[in-house]
Amino acid sequence: MPVMASGSSQPPDPRQIGGIKRLRHLLPLLAPLHEVGCQRDAAGNRRLHFDEYVTLVLLYMLNPLIRSVHTLQQAAAVEKVSRQLGVRRFSVGSFSESVCGCLIRRSSRPS
């Protein structure tokens, strides 16, 4: 199995992206996370939600070929991944913003 260089502009080979079946079984469990952090989105234009963020992180963890956010972006743009996991290519800014709201909300809770 060929290894993808971390700075490669080649999109991942869909045949090498694994764990999709296992992740599909988890999607119903992740669905309640969809609106987490959306309270900060005053413009109402959020495209990457927290459940999708968690799905992408799990995809990263299950695939040793995905070694960077850039490669994860490319994997999310692969039609097979996008269709089966309900994710799509994302910007780095939206990737960090999707988790930022959840962390801010948790850290502002009284102890």
Protein backbone atom coordinates (compact mmCIF):
# COMPACT_ATOMS: atom_id res chain seq x y z
CA MET A 1 0.00 0.00 0.00
CA PRO A 2 1.63 3.30 -1.03
CA VAL A 3 2.15 5.93 1.63
CA MET A 4 1.01 9.47 0.95
CA ALA A 5 3.51 12.21 1.71
CA SER A 6 2.21 14.66 4.30
CA GLY A 7 2.60 17.67 1.98
CA SER A 8 1.22 15.88 -1.07
CA SER A 9 -1.34 17.66 -3.22
CA GLN A 10 -2.58 14.29 -4.52
CA PRO A 11 -6.03 13.46 -3.13
CA PRO A 12 -6.19 10.22 -1.16
CA ASP A 13 -7.11 7.10 -3.10
CA PRO A 14 -10.72 6.26 -2.06
CA ARG A 15 -9.78 2.58 -1.88
CA GLN A 16 -7.24 3.37 0.84
CA ILE A 17 -9.63 5.30 3.10
CA GLY A 18 -10.78 2.83 5.73
CA GLY A 19 -13.15 2.79 8.68
CA ILE A 20 -16.14 4.21 6.82
CA LYS A 21 -18.44 1.31 7.69
CA ARG A 22 -17.56 1.57 11.38
CA LEU A 23 -18.08 5.33 11.34
CA ARG A 24 -21.47 5.01 9.64
CA HIS A 25 -22.65 2.96 12.64
CA LEU A 26 -21.63 5.81 14.97
CA LEU A 27 -23.38 8.60 13.05
CA PRO A 28 -26.72 8.25 14.88
CA LEU A 29 -24.86 8.58 18.20
CA LEU A 30 -23.15 11.75 16.99
CA ALA A 31 -26.34 13.41 15.67
CA PRO A 32 -27.23 15.10 19.01
CA LEU A 33 -23.94 17.03 18.76
CA HIS A 34 -25.06 18.78 15.55
CA GLU A 35 -26.15 22.07 17.16
CA VAL A 36 -23.41 22.25 19.81
CA GLY A 37 -21.64 25.59 19.51
CA CYS A 38 -24.13 27.05 17.01
CA GLN A 39 -25.26 29.69 19.51
CA ARG A 40 -22.16 31.72 18.56
CA ASP A 41 -23.12 31.67 14.87
CA ALA A 42 -25.07 34.94 14.76
CA ALA A 43 -24.89 35.07 10.94
CA GLY A 44 -26.46 31.61 10.61
CA ASN A 45 -23.95 30.50 8.00
CA ARG A 46 -22.24 27.62 9.78
CA ARG A 47 -21.50 24.81 7.32
CA LEU A 48 -19.41 22.49 9.49
CA HIS A 49 -21.18 21.34 12.64
CA PHE A 50 -19.74 19.66 15.71
CA ASP A 51 -21.05 16.18 14.80
CA GLU A 52 -19.28 16.49 11.43
CA TYR A 53 -16.12 17.68 13.20
CA VAL A 54 -16.16 14.58 15.44
CA THR A 55 -16.77 12.37 12.39
CA LEU A 56 -13.75 13.91 10.65
CA VAL A 57 -11.53 13.49 13.72
CA LEU A 58 -12.55 9.83 13.96
CA LEU A 59 -11.86 9.40 10.23
CA TYR A 60 -8.39 10.86 10.84
CA MET A 61 -7.79 8.50 13.78
CA LEU A 62 -8.85 5.41 11.80
CA ASN A 63 -6.65 6.19 8.79
CA PRO A 64 -2.87 6.18 9.16
CA LEU A 65 -2.57 7.66 5.64
CA ILE A 66 -4.31 10.84 6.80
CA ARG A 67 -1.54 12.67 8.63
CA SER A 68 -2.52 16.31 8.30
CA VAL A 69 -5.54 18.61 8.21
CA HIS A 70 -4.84 19.20 4.52
CA THR A 71 -5.06 15.49 3.75
CA LEU A 72 -8.20 15.26 5.90
CA GLN A 73 -9.70 18.09 3.79
CA GLN A 74 -8.94 16.12 0.65
CA ALA A 75 -10.37 12.91 2.11
CA ALA A 76 -13.59 14.73 3.05
CA ALA A 77 -13.89 15.88 -0.56
CA VAL A 78 -13.74 12.29 -1.88
CA GLU A 79 -17.25 11.50 -3.16
CA LYS A 80 -17.43 8.12 -1.41
CA VAL A 81 -16.48 9.63 1.97
CA SER A 82 -18.71 12.65 1.53
CA ARG A 83 -21.75 10.59 0.57
CA GLN A 84 -21.40 7.87 3.19
CA LEU A 85 -20.39 10.01 6.16
CA GLY A 86 -22.32 13.19 5.38
CA VAL A 87 -19.22 15.39 5.41
CA ARG A 88 -17.69 17.56 2.71
CA ARG A 89 -14.49 19.48 2.11
CA PHE A 90 -14.06 22.15 4.78
CA SER A 91 -11.88 25.17 5.39
CA VAL A 92 -9.29 25.10 8.17
CA GLY A 93 -11.05 28.07 9.78
CA SER A 94 -14.42 26.31 9.91
CA PHE A 95 -12.70 23.18 11.21
CA SER A 96 -11.30 25.04 14.22
CA GLU A 97 -14.47 27.13 14.69
CA SER A 98 -16.70 24.04 14.88
CA VAL A 99 -14.95 22.93 18.07
CA CYS A 100 -14.18 26.37 19.49
CA GLY A 101 -17.78 27.09 20.52
CA CYS A 102 -18.06 23.84 22.44
CA LEU A 103 -14.79 24.43 24.30
CA ILE A 104 -15.69 28.00 25.19
CA ARG A 105 -19.10 26.94 26.47
CA ARG A 106 -17.58 24.16 28.62
CA SER A 107 -14.83 26.38 30.04
CA SER A 108 -17.30 29.10 31.04
CA ARG A 109 -19.32 26.75 33.28
CA PRO A 110 -19.02 27.37 37.01
CA SER A 111 -16.96 24.75 38.84
